[in-house]
Amino acid sequence: MRQESALEILKTGVNVFLTGAPGSGKTHTIDRYIRWLQDHRVGVGITASTGIAATHIGGLTIHSWSGVGIRDRLSNRDLKTLTGNDALAE
């Protein structure tokens, strides 16, 4: 699939798993999509599964963004914190 096709699918709002070889344009496509969302005043949480990936897209790890950090289990306090996070509630 070409980058432009992937971008058009992203714009429809469906869940997308974007994958490809190094240098195939994943980060470029994500950057364009984030700009499109921001231009259309759509709130966006920019996350990635690893710290390195997050730095490439100007985001945070999903753990850091959610406020959970790395845990073996979630306590009642953790769950209360998560449910009180407006960004997660949307």
N, C-alpha and C. Protein backbone atom coordinates (compact mmCIF):
# COMPACT_ATOMS: atom_id res chain seq x y z
N MET A 1 0.85 -1.17 0.00
CA MET A 1 0.00 0.00 0.00
C MET A 1 0.90 1.24 0.00
N ARG A 2 0.47 2.25 -0.69
CA ARG A 2 1.23 3.49 -0.77
C ARG A 2 0.88 4.41 0.40
N GLN A 3 1.78 5.34 0.72
CA GLN A 3 1.57 6.25 1.84
C GLN A 3 0.27 7.04 1.70
N GLU A 4 -0.01 7.52 0.52
CA GLU A 4 -1.22 8.33 0.31
C GLU A 4 -2.47 7.52 0.58
N SER A 5 -2.47 6.26 0.18
CA SER A 5 -3.63 5.38 0.45
C SER A 5 -3.79 5.16 1.94
N ALA A 6 -2.68 4.93 2.63
CA ALA A 6 -2.73 4.73 4.08
C ALA A 6 -3.26 5.98 4.77
N LEU A 7 -2.82 7.15 4.33
CA LEU A 7 -3.28 8.40 4.92
C LEU A 7 -4.79 8.57 4.73
N GLU A 8 -5.29 8.25 3.56
CA GLU A 8 -6.73 8.38 3.31
C GLU A 8 -7.53 7.43 4.21
N ILE A 9 -7.02 6.24 4.44
CA ILE A 9 -7.69 5.30 5.34
C ILE A 9 -7.68 5.84 6.77
N LEU A 10 -6.54 6.37 7.21
CA LEU A 10 -6.44 6.96 8.55
C LEU A 10 -7.47 8.07 8.73
N LYS A 11 -7.66 8.87 7.73
CA LYS A 11 -8.60 10.00 7.81
C LYS A 11 -10.05 9.57 7.99
N THR A 12 -10.36 8.32 7.70
CA THR A 12 -11.74 7.85 7.88
C THR A 12 -12.06 7.59 9.35
N GLY A 13 -11.02 7.49 10.19
CA GLY A 13 -11.24 7.30 11.61
C GLY A 13 -11.27 5.86 12.08
N VAL A 14 -11.05 4.92 11.18
CA VAL A 14 -11.02 3.52 11.59
C VAL A 14 -9.70 3.21 12.28
N ASN A 15 -9.68 2.13 13.05
CA ASN A 15 -8.43 1.68 13.66
C ASN A 15 -7.52 1.12 12.59
N VAL A 16 -6.25 1.50 12.66
CA VAL A 16 -5.28 1.09 11.65
C VAL A 16 -4.01 0.61 12.34
N PHE A 17 -3.47 -0.49 11.87
CA PHE A 17 -2.16 -0.95 12.31
C PHE A 17 -1.22 -0.69 11.15
N LEU A 18 -0.37 0.30 11.31
CA LEU A 18 0.54 0.72 10.24
C LEU A 18 1.88 0.05 10.45
N THR A 19 2.30 -0.72 9.48
CA THR A 19 3.57 -1.44 9.58
C THR A 19 4.30 -1.37 8.25
N GLY A 20 5.58 -1.61 8.30
CA GLY A 20 6.37 -1.60 7.07
C GLY A 20 7.85 -1.67 7.38
N ALA A 21 8.60 -1.86 6.36
CA ALA A 21 10.06 -1.95 6.49
C ALA A 21 10.64 -0.60 6.89
N PRO A 22 11.85 -0.60 7.46
CA PRO A 22 12.51 0.67 7.76
C PRO A 22 12.61 1.53 6.50
N GLY A 23 12.29 2.80 6.65
CA GLY A 23 12.38 3.71 5.52
C GLY A 23 11.19 3.69 4.58
N SER A 24 10.14 2.96 4.95
CA SER A 24 8.98 2.86 4.05
C SER A 24 8.02 4.03 4.19
N GLY A 25 8.24 4.89 5.20
CA GLY A 25 7.41 6.08 5.32
C GLY A 25 6.37 6.05 6.42
N LYS A 26 6.50 5.13 7.36
CA LYS A 26 5.52 5.05 8.45
C LYS A 26 5.48 6.34 9.26
N THR A 27 6.64 6.81 9.70
CA THR A 27 6.70 8.02 10.51
C THR A 27 6.22 9.23 9.71
N HIS A 28 6.60 9.31 8.47
CA HIS A 28 6.15 10.42 7.61
C HIS A 28 4.63 10.41 7.49
N THR A 29 4.05 9.25 7.30
CA THR A 29 2.59 9.13 7.17
C THR A 29 1.91 9.52 8.48
N ILE A 30 2.44 9.05 9.60
CA ILE A 30 1.87 9.40 10.90
C ILE A 30 1.97 10.91 11.14
N ASP A 31 3.13 11.49 10.82
CA ASP A 31 3.29 12.95 10.97
C ASP A 31 2.26 13.71 10.15
N ARG A 32 2.02 13.28 8.94
CA ARG A 32 1.02 13.94 8.09
C ARG A 32 -0.38 13.80 8.68
N TYR A 33 -0.68 12.62 9.22
CA TYR A 33 -1.99 12.39 9.82
C TYR A 33 -2.18 13.25 11.07
N ILE A 34 -1.16 13.34 11.89
CA ILE A 34 -1.25 14.18 13.10
C ILE A 34 -1.49 15.63 12.70
N ARG A 35 -0.77 16.12 11.71
CA ARG A 35 -0.99 17.50 11.23
C ARG A 35 -2.41 17.68 10.72
N TRP A 36 -2.92 16.69 9.99
CA TRP A 36 -4.29 16.76 9.46
C TRP A 36 -5.30 16.83 10.61
N LEU A 37 -5.10 15.99 11.63
CA LEU A 37 -5.99 16.02 12.79
C LEU A 37 -5.95 17.39 13.47
N GLN A 38 -4.76 17.90 13.69
CA GLN A 38 -4.61 19.20 14.35
C GLN A 38 -5.22 20.31 13.51
N ASP A 39 -5.04 20.26 12.20
CA ASP A 39 -5.64 21.27 11.31
C ASP A 39 -7.17 21.24 11.38
N HIS A 40 -7.72 20.07 11.67
CA HIS A 40 -9.17 19.91 11.76
C HIS A 40 -9.66 19.97 13.21
N ARG A 41 -8.78 20.44 14.09
CA ARG A 41 -9.10 20.63 15.51
C ARG A 41 -9.62 19.37 16.19
N VAL A 42 -9.02 18.25 15.82
CA VAL A 42 -9.34 16.98 16.44
C VAL A 42 -8.29 16.72 17.52
N GLY A 43 -8.74 16.52 18.75
CA GLY A 43 -7.80 16.21 19.83
C GLY A 43 -7.12 14.88 19.56
N VAL A 44 -5.84 14.84 19.79
CA VAL A 44 -5.10 13.61 19.49
C VAL A 44 -4.08 13.35 20.59
N GLY A 45 -4.04 12.12 21.07
CA GLY A 45 -3.00 11.67 21.99
C GLY A 45 -1.96 10.94 21.16
N ILE A 46 -0.78 11.47 21.11
CA ILE A 46 0.27 10.90 20.26
C ILE A 46 1.09 9.94 21.10
N THR A 47 0.94 8.65 20.83
CA THR A 47 1.60 7.63 21.62
C THR A 47 2.28 6.59 20.73
N ALA A 48 3.21 5.89 21.34
CA ALA A 48 3.88 4.77 20.68
C ALA A 48 4.22 3.74 21.75
N SER A 49 4.54 2.55 21.30
CA SER A 49 4.80 1.48 22.26
C SER A 49 6.19 1.56 22.87
N THR A 50 7.13 2.22 22.21
CA THR A 50 8.48 2.35 22.76
C THR A 50 8.88 3.82 22.83
N GLY A 51 9.83 4.11 23.69
CA GLY A 51 10.31 5.48 23.84
C GLY A 51 10.94 6.02 22.56
N ILE A 52 11.72 5.19 21.89
CA ILE A 52 12.37 5.62 20.64
C ILE A 52 11.31 5.97 19.60
N ALA A 53 10.32 5.10 19.44
CA ALA A 53 9.26 5.36 18.47
C ALA A 53 8.51 6.64 18.83
N ALA A 54 8.27 6.85 20.12
CA ALA A 54 7.55 8.04 20.57
C ALA A 54 8.32 9.31 20.22
N THR A 55 9.63 9.29 20.39
CA THR A 55 10.41 10.49 20.08
C THR A 55 10.36 10.82 18.60
N HIS A 56 10.22 9.83 17.75
CA HIS A 56 10.17 10.07 16.31
C HIS A 56 8.88 10.75 15.87
N ILE A 57 7.83 10.62 16.65
CA ILE A 57 6.55 11.24 16.27
C ILE A 57 6.13 12.35 17.22
N GLY A 58 7.03 12.75 18.11
CA GLY A 58 6.72 13.83 19.04
C GLY A 58 5.68 13.45 20.07
N GLY A 59 5.69 12.20 20.49
CA GLY A 59 4.69 11.72 21.44
C GLY A 59 5.31 11.14 22.70
N LEU A 60 4.53 10.33 23.36
CA LEU A 60 4.93 9.67 24.60
C LEU A 60 4.67 8.17 24.46
N THR A 61 5.27 7.40 25.35
CA THR A 61 4.87 6.00 25.40
C THR A 61 3.44 5.94 25.92
N ILE A 62 2.74 4.90 25.58
CA ILE A 62 1.36 4.75 26.03
C ILE A 62 1.30 4.72 27.56
N HIS A 63 2.31 4.13 28.19
CA HIS A 63 2.34 4.06 29.66
C HIS A 63 2.51 5.45 30.27
N SER A 64 3.40 6.23 29.70
CA SER A 64 3.63 7.58 30.22
C SER A 64 2.41 8.47 29.98
N TRP A 65 1.85 8.40 28.79
CA TRP A 65 0.69 9.22 28.43
C TRP A 65 -0.50 8.94 29.35
N SER A 66 -0.71 7.68 29.67
CA SER A 66 -1.86 7.31 30.49
C SER A 66 -1.63 7.55 31.97
N GLY A 67 -0.37 7.77 32.35
CA GLY A 67 -0.05 7.99 33.76
C GLY A 67 0.15 6.72 34.55
N VAL A 68 0.16 5.59 33.87
CA VAL A 68 0.30 4.31 34.55
C VAL A 68 1.75 3.96 34.82
N GLY A 69 2.64 4.31 33.92
CA GLY A 69 4.01 3.85 34.04
C GLY A 69 4.04 2.36 33.77
N ILE A 70 5.02 1.68 34.30
CA ILE A 70 5.12 0.24 34.09
C ILE A 70 4.74 -0.45 35.40
N ARG A 71 3.74 -1.29 35.34
CA ARG A 71 3.23 -1.97 36.53
C ARG A 71 3.05 -3.46 36.24
N ASP A 72 3.17 -4.25 37.28
CA ASP A 72 2.82 -5.67 37.17
C ASP A 72 1.32 -5.85 37.30
N ARG A 73 0.69 -4.94 38.05
CA ARG A 73 -0.77 -4.98 38.21
C ARG A 73 -1.25 -3.57 38.53
N LEU A 74 -2.54 -3.32 38.33
CA LEU A 74 -3.12 -2.02 38.63
C LEU A 74 -3.82 -2.06 39.98
N SER A 75 -3.49 -1.11 40.83
CA SER A 75 -4.15 -1.01 42.13
C SER A 75 -5.46 -0.24 41.97
N ASN A 76 -6.26 -0.21 43.01
CA ASN A 76 -7.49 0.59 42.98
C ASN A 76 -7.15 2.06 42.76
N ARG A 77 -6.06 2.51 43.35
CA ARG A 77 -5.63 3.91 43.16
C ARG A 77 -5.28 4.17 41.69
N ASP A 78 -4.56 3.22 41.06
CA ASP A 78 -4.23 3.36 39.64
C ASP A 78 -5.49 3.48 38.80
N LEU A 79 -6.45 2.61 39.07
CA LEU A 79 -7.70 2.63 38.31
C LEU A 79 -8.45 3.94 38.51
N LYS A 80 -8.42 4.47 39.73
CA LYS A 80 -9.08 5.74 40.01
C LYS A 80 -8.39 6.88 39.24
N THR A 81 -7.06 6.84 39.21
CA THR A 81 -6.30 7.84 38.47
C THR A 81 -6.64 7.79 36.98
N LEU A 82 -6.70 6.59 36.44
CA LEU A 82 -7.01 6.43 35.02
C LEU A 82 -8.41 6.92 34.69
N THR A 83 -9.38 6.58 35.51
CA THR A 83 -10.76 6.99 35.22
C THR A 83 -10.95 8.49 35.40
N GLY A 84 -10.06 9.13 36.15
CA GLY A 84 -10.14 10.58 36.33
C GLY A 84 -9.37 11.37 35.28
N ASN A 85 -8.71 10.68 34.36
CA ASN A 85 -7.91 11.33 33.32
C ASN A 85 -8.83 11.68 32.15
N ASP A 86 -9.09 12.98 31.95
CA ASP A 86 -10.01 13.42 30.90
C ASP A 86 -9.59 12.96 29.51
N ALA A 87 -8.28 12.92 29.25
CA ALA A 87 -7.81 12.50 27.93
C ALA A 87 -8.16 11.04 27.67
N LEU A 88 -8.15 10.22 28.70
CA LEU A 88 -8.50 8.81 28.54
C LEU A 88 -10.00 8.60 28.49
N ALA A 89 -10.74 9.46 29.15
CA ALA A 89 -12.20 9.30 29.22
C ALA A 89 -12.87 9.59 27.88
N GLU A 90 -12.23 10.39 27.04
CA GLU A 90 -12.81 10.73 25.74
C GLU A 90 -12.77 9.52 24.89
